[in-house]
Amino acid sequence: MLGIIGKKIGMTSFFDEKGLKVPCTIIVAGPCFVLQKKTLKKDGYNSYQIGFEEKKIKKTNKSLNKSLLGHFKKFKSTPKKKIVEFSLKKELKSGDIIKVDIFNENELVDITGFSKGKGFQGVIKRHGFSGVGEKSHGQHNRYRAPGSIGAGSDPSRVFKGTRMAGRMGNKKVTIKKLKILKIDLLKNLLIIKGSVPGTKNSFLKIKKT
């Protein structure tokens, strides 16, 4: 399984061969530095740890502890903003560089990221409720209320999983089988058909299906 770390730049439109306007996402993918090769004998599983985008030393000293700084020095790498592990079948070694050329145009990829956080939201925005209906005698400001959440005497509790108000978004999301429309090898860009999770400048995990 080949993969790379990317950063979402934004969305635009792309015209396909038939002249149809297709929405797409632009992602800067790599180059990624292979930090560590983990083995079944030493670590209990096989994977490669790769890092993406350099972090300034001035900021690193404040945000990273000494053990993590030593980890980067051990593998002769500068501090990285994002570290991800991939179970790659390809034989690599520490210090290798993974670039966007591991992908091909019209290839399908799975992209993982964190969805946009929307804060604490009510049931109408979070779950699509319609509210309690029109105002009747004795009701006051009930248009966006959730309504009943359970019986009082039996079972005298709220069941787990009841759809209520709460935090919305900011969850790990994977969208599968997204098509690569175009690859720019000079600028390390991937143009993906459709949308991907996350805000602008958020990190993404991209791997072949």
C-alpha atoms as a PDB file:
ATOM      1  CA  MET A   1       0.000   0.000   0.000  1.00  0.00           C
ATOM      2  CA  LEU A   2       1.632   3.227  -1.159  1.00  0.00           C
ATOM      3  CA  GLY A   3       0.773   6.499   0.515  1.00  0.00           C
ATOM      4  CA  ILE A   4       1.837  10.078   1.097  1.00  0.00           C
ATOM      5  CA  ILE A   5       1.005  13.064   3.321  1.00  0.00           C
ATOM      6  CA  GLY A   6      -0.581  16.110   1.735  1.00  0.00           C
ATOM      7  CA  LYS A   7      -1.993  19.522   2.542  1.00  0.00           C
ATOM      8  CA  LYS A   8      -5.298  20.841   1.239  1.00  0.00           C
ATOM      9  CA  ILE A   9      -4.854  24.088  -0.710  1.00  0.00           C
ATOM     10  CA  GLY A  10      -8.443  24.703  -1.755  1.00  0.00           C
ATOM     11  CA  MET A  11     -11.088  23.912  -4.355  1.00  0.00           C
ATOM     12  CA  THR A  12     -11.500  24.920  -7.966  1.00  0.00           C
ATOM     13  CA  SER A  13     -13.074  23.565 -11.156  1.00  0.00           C
ATOM     14  CA  PHE A  14     -11.604  21.459 -13.917  1.00  0.00           C
ATOM     15  CA  PHE A  15     -12.926  20.776 -17.429  1.00  0.00           C
ATOM     16  CA  ASP A  16     -12.810  17.134 -18.463  1.00  0.00           C
ATOM     17  CA  GLU A  17     -12.455  15.662 -21.954  1.00  0.00           C
ATOM     18  CA  LYS A  18     -16.180  16.093 -22.657  1.00  0.00           C
ATOM     19  CA  GLY A  19     -16.059  19.764 -21.715  1.00  0.00           C
ATOM     20  CA  LEU A  20     -17.998  19.276 -18.501  1.00  0.00           C
ATOM     21  CA  LYS A  21     -17.131  21.399 -15.481  1.00  0.00           C
ATOM     22  CA  VAL A  22     -15.978  19.168 -12.625  1.00  0.00           C
ATOM     23  CA  PRO A  23     -15.396  20.408  -9.035  1.00  0.00           C
ATOM     24  CA  CYS A  24     -12.008  19.363  -7.727  1.00  0.00           C
ATOM     25  CA  THR A  25      -9.601  19.819  -4.817  1.00  0.00           C
ATOM     26  CA  ILE A  26      -5.955  20.876  -5.093  1.00  0.00           C
ATOM     27  CA  ILE A  27      -3.565  19.125  -2.704  1.00  0.00           C
ATOM     28  CA  VAL A  28       0.169  19.629  -2.179  1.00  0.00           C
ATOM     29  CA  ALA A  29       1.435  16.068  -1.688  1.00  0.00           C
ATOM     30  CA  GLY A  30       4.985  15.594  -0.437  1.00  0.00           C
ATOM     31  CA  PRO A  31       7.875  15.395  -0.727  1.00  0.00           C
ATOM     32  CA  CYS A  32       7.852  13.236   2.422  1.00  0.00           C
ATOM     33  CA  PHE A  33      10.913  12.109   4.355  1.00  0.00           C
ATOM     34  CA  VAL A  34      11.099   8.487   5.525  1.00  0.00           C
ATOM     35  CA  LEU A  35      12.033   8.689   9.207  1.00  0.00           C
ATOM     36  CA  GLN A  36      11.819   5.182  10.618  1.00  0.00           C
ATOM     37  CA  LYS A  37      11.250   1.658   9.401  1.00  0.00           C
ATOM     38  CA  LYS A  38       9.280  -0.367  11.969  1.00  0.00           C
ATOM     39  CA  THR A  39       9.582  -4.145  11.928  1.00  0.00           C
ATOM     40  CA  LEU A  40       7.548  -7.011  13.313  1.00  0.00           C
ATOM     41  CA  LYS A  41      10.484  -8.258  15.382  1.00  0.00           C
ATOM     42  CA  LYS A  42      11.293  -4.951  17.081  1.00  0.00           C
ATOM     43  CA  ASP A  43       7.992  -3.016  17.115  1.00  0.00           C
ATOM     44  CA  GLY A  44       5.346  -5.734  16.705  1.00  0.00           C
ATOM     45  CA  TYR A  45       4.212  -4.643  13.233  1.00  0.00           C
ATOM     46  CA  ASN A  46       5.608  -3.573   9.869  1.00  0.00           C
ATOM     47  CA  SER A  47       5.289   0.042   8.771  1.00  0.00           C
ATOM     48  CA  TYR A  48       7.147   3.143   7.664  1.00  0.00           C
ATOM     49  CA  GLN A  49       7.037   6.422   9.583  1.00  0.00           C
ATOM     50  CA  ILE A  50       7.180   9.425   7.258  1.00  0.00           C
ATOM     51  CA  GLY A  51       7.222  13.171   7.943  1.00  0.00           C
ATOM     52  CA  PHE A  52       5.965  16.124   5.925  1.00  0.00           C
ATOM     53  CA  GLU A  53       6.686  19.863   5.908  1.00  0.00           C
ATOM     54  CA  GLU A  54       9.574  21.281   7.863  1.00  0.00           C
ATOM     55  CA  LYS A  55       9.020  23.020  11.170  1.00  0.00           C
ATOM     56  CA  LYS A  56      11.132  25.978  12.276  1.00  0.00           C
ATOM     57  CA  ILE A  57      13.589  25.178  15.054  1.00  0.00           C
ATOM     58  CA  LYS A  58      12.518  28.312  16.955  1.00  0.00           C
ATOM     59  CA  LYS A  59       8.915  27.045  17.132  1.00  0.00           C
ATOM     60  CA  THR A  60       9.953  23.434  17.605  1.00  0.00           C
ATOM     61  CA  ASN A  61      11.715  24.038  20.917  1.00  0.00           C
ATOM     62  CA  LYS A  62       8.487  25.401  22.416  1.00  0.00           C
ATOM     63  CA  SER A  63       6.076  22.789  21.065  1.00  0.00           C
ATOM     64  CA  LEU A  64       8.133  19.564  21.081  1.00  0.00           C
ATOM     65  CA  ASN A  65       9.781  17.732  23.955  1.00  0.00           C
ATOM     66  CA  LYS A  66      13.395  16.583  23.973  1.00  0.00           C
ATOM     67  CA  SER A  67      12.525  12.955  23.198  1.00  0.00           C
ATOM     68  CA  LEU A  68      10.804  13.899  19.940  1.00  0.00           C
ATOM     69  CA  LEU A  69      13.620  16.258  18.973  1.00  0.00           C
ATOM     70  CA  GLY A  70      16.041  13.400  19.602  1.00  0.00           C
ATOM     71  CA  HIS A  71      13.898  11.176  17.403  1.00  0.00           C
ATOM     72  CA  PHE A  72      14.378  13.529  14.445  1.00  0.00           C
ATOM     73  CA  LYS A  73      18.128  13.834  15.096  1.00  0.00           C
ATOM     74  CA  LYS A  74      18.497  10.049  15.275  1.00  0.00           C
ATOM     75  CA  PHE A  75      17.238   9.678  11.714  1.00  0.00           C
ATOM     76  CA  LYS A  76      19.121  12.772  10.490  1.00  0.00           C
ATOM     77  CA  SER A  77      15.996  14.754   9.719  1.00  0.00           C
ATOM     78  CA  THR A  78      14.777  18.256  10.437  1.00  0.00           C
ATOM     79  CA  PRO A  79      11.646  18.531  12.653  1.00  0.00           C
ATOM     80  CA  LYS A  80       8.423  17.845  10.736  1.00  0.00           C
ATOM     81  CA  LYS A  81       4.956  19.271  11.263  1.00  0.00           C
ATOM     82  CA  LYS A  82       3.103  16.048  10.440  1.00  0.00           C
ATOM     83  CA  ILE A  83       4.137  12.436  11.075  1.00  0.00           C
ATOM     84  CA  VAL A  84       2.126   9.489   9.716  1.00  0.00           C
ATOM     85  CA  GLU A  85       2.724   5.740   9.485  1.00  0.00           C
ATOM     86  CA  PHE A  86       2.015   3.694   6.365  1.00  0.00           C
ATOM     87  CA  SER A  87       2.138  -0.058   5.936  1.00  0.00           C
ATOM     88  CA  LEU A  88       4.019   0.168   2.662  1.00  0.00           C
ATOM     89  CA  LYS A  89       4.823  -2.940   0.649  1.00  0.00           C
ATOM     90  CA  LYS A  90       7.610  -1.149  -1.184  1.00  0.00           C
ATOM     91  CA  GLU A  91      11.061  -1.614   0.355  1.00  0.00           C
ATOM     92  CA  LEU A  92      12.317   1.717   1.696  1.00  0.00           C
ATOM     93  CA  LYS A  93      14.976   2.885   4.113  1.00  0.00           C
ATOM     94  CA  SER A  94      15.428   5.825   6.465  1.00  0.00           C
ATOM     95  CA  GLY A  95      16.271   8.968   4.524  1.00  0.00           C
ATOM     96  CA  ASP A  96      14.371   8.089   1.349  1.00  0.00           C
ATOM     97  CA  ILE A  97      12.067  10.689  -0.180  1.00  0.00           C
ATOM     98  CA  ILE A  98       8.508   9.864  -1.258  1.00  0.00           C
ATOM     99  CA  LYS A  99       7.190  12.142  -3.997  1.00  0.00           C
ATOM    100  CA  VAL A 100       3.918  12.588  -5.822  1.00  0.00           C
ATOM    101  CA  ASP A 101       5.177  10.463  -8.719  1.00  0.00           C
ATOM    102  CA  ILE A 102       4.062   7.300  -6.872  1.00  0.00           C
ATOM    103  CA  PHE A 103       0.566   8.077  -8.219  1.00  0.00           C
ATOM    104  CA  ASN A 104      -0.789   8.092 -11.763  1.00  0.00           C
ATOM    105  CA  GLU A 105      -3.522  10.128 -13.418  1.00  0.00           C
ATOM    106  CA  ASN A 106      -7.008   8.522 -13.379  1.00  0.00           C
ATOM    107  CA  GLU A 107      -5.934   6.407 -10.402  1.00  0.00           C
ATOM    108  CA  LEU A 108      -8.237   5.975  -7.379  1.00  0.00           C
ATOM    109  CA  VAL A 109      -7.078   6.964  -3.879  1.00  0.00           C
ATOM    110  CA  ASP A 110      -8.455   6.989  -0.329  1.00  0.00           C
ATOM    111  CA  ILE A 111      -8.072  10.299   1.521  1.00  0.00           C
ATOM    112  CA  THR A 112      -8.286  10.664   5.298  1.00  0.00           C
ATOM    113  CA  GLY A 113      -8.566  13.936   7.204  1.00  0.00           C
ATOM    114  CA  PHE A 114     -10.447  15.726   9.967  1.00  0.00           C
ATOM    115  CA  SER A 115     -13.753  17.318   8.952  1.00  0.00           C
ATOM    116  CA  LYS A 116     -14.470  20.992   9.588  1.00  0.00           C
ATOM    117  CA  GLY A 117     -15.275  21.708  13.217  1.00  0.00           C
ATOM    118  CA  LYS A 118     -18.589  23.567  13.654  1.00  0.00           C
ATOM    119  CA  GLY A 119     -18.680  23.861  17.424  1.00  0.00           C
ATOM    120  CA  PHE A 120     -21.647  23.065  19.656  1.00  0.00           C
ATOM    121  CA  GLN A 121     -24.787  22.856  17.509  1.00  0.00           C
ATOM    122  CA  GLY A 122     -28.451  22.148  18.094  1.00  0.00           C
ATOM    123  CA  VAL A 123     -30.471  19.231  16.764  1.00  0.00           C
ATOM    124  CA  ILE A 124     -31.750  21.070  13.673  1.00  0.00           C
ATOM    125  CA  LYS A 125     -28.297  21.739  12.232  1.00  0.00           C
ATOM    126  CA  ARG A 126     -26.650  18.619  13.643  1.00  0.00           C
ATOM    127  CA  HIS A 127     -29.303  15.996  12.859  1.00  0.00           C
ATOM    128  CA  GLY A 128     -31.764  17.718  10.517  1.00  0.00           C
ATOM    129  CA  PHE A 129     -34.672  17.961  12.973  1.00  0.00           C
ATOM    130  CA  SER A 130     -37.592  20.198  12.034  1.00  0.00           C
ATOM    131  CA  GLY A 131     -38.364  21.503  15.538  1.00  0.00           C
ATOM    132  CA  VAL A 132     -41.575  21.007  17.554  1.00  0.00           C
ATOM    133  CA  GLY A 133     -43.780  22.720  14.994  1.00  0.00           C
ATOM    134  CA  GLU A 134     -45.962  25.822  15.254  1.00  0.00           C
ATOM    135  CA  LYS A 135     -46.376  27.713  18.468  1.00  0.00           C
ATOM    136  CA  SER A 136     -49.489  26.707  20.428  1.00  0.00           C
ATOM    137  CA  HIS A 137     -51.053  27.889  23.684  1.00  0.00           C
ATOM    138  CA  GLY A 138     -48.460  27.982  26.416  1.00  0.00           C
ATOM    139  CA  GLN A 139     -45.476  27.339  24.161  1.00  0.00           C
ATOM    140  CA  HIS A 140     -42.673  29.831  24.003  1.00  0.00           C
ATOM    141  CA  ASN A 141     -39.599  29.879  21.733  1.00  0.00           C
ATOM    142  CA  ARG A 142     -39.902  26.197  20.821  1.00  0.00           C
ATOM    143  CA  TYR A 143     -39.251  26.319  17.080  1.00  0.00           C
ATOM    144  CA  ARG A 144     -35.759  24.762  17.269  1.00  0.00           C
ATOM    145  CA  ALA A 145     -36.272  22.602  20.353  1.00  0.00           C
ATOM    146  CA  PRO A 146     -35.467  18.853  20.261  1.00  0.00           C
ATOM    147  CA  GLY A 147     -38.729  17.707  21.859  1.00  0.00           C
ATOM    148  CA  SER A 148     -38.984  14.644  24.073  1.00  0.00           C
ATOM    149  CA  ILE A 149     -35.819  12.624  24.740  1.00  0.00           C
ATOM    150  CA  GLY A 150     -37.420   9.693  26.600  1.00  0.00           C
ATOM    151  CA  ALA A 151     -40.095   8.526  29.049  1.00  0.00           C
ATOM    152  CA  GLY A 152     -40.010   9.734  32.674  1.00  0.00           C
ATOM    153  CA  SER A 153     -41.140   6.803  34.820  1.00  0.00           C
ATOM    154  CA  ASP A 154     -39.845   3.946  32.691  1.00  0.00           C
ATOM    155  CA  PRO A 155     -36.955   3.623  31.869  1.00  0.00           C
ATOM    156  CA  SER A 156     -36.263   6.883  33.759  1.00  0.00           C
ATOM    157  CA  ARG A 157     -33.138   7.580  31.768  1.00  0.00           C
ATOM    158  CA  VAL A 158     -31.969   8.719  28.349  1.00  0.00           C
ATOM    159  CA  PHE A 159     -30.828   5.907  26.054  1.00  0.00           C
ATOM    160  CA  LYS A 160     -27.293   6.023  24.710  1.00  0.00           C
ATOM    161  CA  GLY A 161     -27.105   7.262  21.145  1.00  0.00           C
ATOM    162  CA  THR A 162     -30.154   9.550  21.432  1.00  0.00           C
ATOM    163  CA  ARG A 163     -29.768  12.332  18.905  1.00  0.00           C
ATOM    164  CA  MET A 164     -29.308  15.531  20.855  1.00  0.00           C
ATOM    165  CA  ALA A 165     -27.374  18.781  20.673  1.00  0.00           C
ATOM    166  CA  GLY A 166     -23.594  18.507  20.878  1.00  0.00           C
ATOM    167  CA  ARG A 167     -20.271  19.046  19.185  1.00  0.00           C
ATOM    168  CA  MET A 168     -20.476  18.844  15.415  1.00  0.00           C
ATOM    169  CA  GLY A 169     -17.653  18.078  13.006  1.00  0.00           C
ATOM    170  CA  ASN A 170     -13.915  17.758  13.728  1.00  0.00           C
ATOM    171  CA  LYS A 171     -14.034  13.987  13.249  1.00  0.00           C
ATOM    172  CA  LYS A 172     -11.689  11.682  11.378  1.00  0.00           C
ATOM    173  CA  VAL A 173     -13.240  11.015   7.966  1.00  0.00           C
ATOM    174  CA  THR A 174     -12.075   8.805   5.099  1.00  0.00           C
ATOM    175  CA  ILE A 175     -13.442   9.255   1.586  1.00  0.00           C
ATOM    176  CA  LYS A 176     -12.710   6.278  -0.630  1.00  0.00           C
ATOM    177  CA  LYS A 177     -12.072   5.903  -4.344  1.00  0.00           C
ATOM    178  CA  LEU A 178     -11.485   9.517  -5.306  1.00  0.00           C
ATOM    179  CA  LYS A 179     -10.159   9.964  -8.822  1.00  0.00           C
ATOM    180  CA  ILE A 180      -6.897  11.776  -9.596  1.00  0.00           C
ATOM    181  CA  LEU A 181      -7.620  14.112 -12.498  1.00  0.00           C
ATOM    182  CA  LYS A 182      -4.163  15.602 -12.930  1.00  0.00           C
ATOM    183  CA  ILE A 183      -0.665  15.499 -11.409  1.00  0.00           C
ATOM    184  CA  ASP A 184       1.868  18.352 -11.410  1.00  0.00           C
ATOM    185  CA  LEU A 185       5.287  16.794 -10.751  1.00  0.00           C
ATOM    186  CA  LEU A 186       7.111  20.140 -10.602  1.00  0.00           C
ATOM    187  CA  LYS A 187       4.880  21.660  -7.916  1.00  0.00           C
ATOM    188  CA  ASN A 188       3.962  18.344  -6.209  1.00  0.00           C
ATOM    189  CA  LEU A 189       0.261  18.911  -6.802  1.00  0.00           C
ATOM    190  CA  LEU A 190      -2.607  16.432  -6.950  1.00  0.00           C
ATOM    191  CA  ILE A 191      -5.907  17.533  -8.490  1.00  0.00           C
ATOM    192  CA  ILE A 192      -8.609  15.302  -7.024  1.00  0.00           C
ATOM    193  CA  LYS A 193     -12.150  15.008  -8.370  1.00  0.00           C
ATOM    194  CA  GLY A 194     -14.697  16.141  -5.775  1.00  0.00           C
ATOM    195  CA  SER A 195     -14.196  17.317  -2.200  1.00  0.00           C
ATOM    196  CA  VAL A 196     -12.002  16.014   0.610  1.00  0.00           C
ATOM    197  CA  PRO A 197     -12.412  16.429   4.394  1.00  0.00           C
ATOM    198  CA  GLY A 198     -10.829  19.343   6.227  1.00  0.00           C
ATOM    199  CA  THR A 199     -10.257  23.058   5.960  1.00  0.00           C
ATOM    200  CA  LYS A 200      -7.641  24.865   3.905  1.00  0.00           C
ATOM    201  CA  ASN A 201      -4.068  24.078   4.979  1.00  0.00           C
ATOM    202  CA  SER A 202      -5.193  20.955   6.855  1.00  0.00           C
ATOM    203  CA  PHE A 203      -3.104  17.791   6.554  1.00  0.00           C
ATOM    204  CA  LEU A 204      -4.381  14.727   4.683  1.00  0.00           C
ATOM    205  CA  LYS A 205      -3.357  11.092   4.492  1.00  0.00           C
ATOM    206  CA  ILE A 206      -3.479   9.889   0.879  1.00  0.00           C
ATOM    207  CA  LYS A 207      -3.091   6.228  -0.045  1.00  0.00           C
ATOM    208  CA  LYS A 208      -3.793   3.995  -3.008  1.00  0.00           C
ATOM    209  CA  THR A 209      -6.984   1.953  -2.897  1.00  0.00           C
END
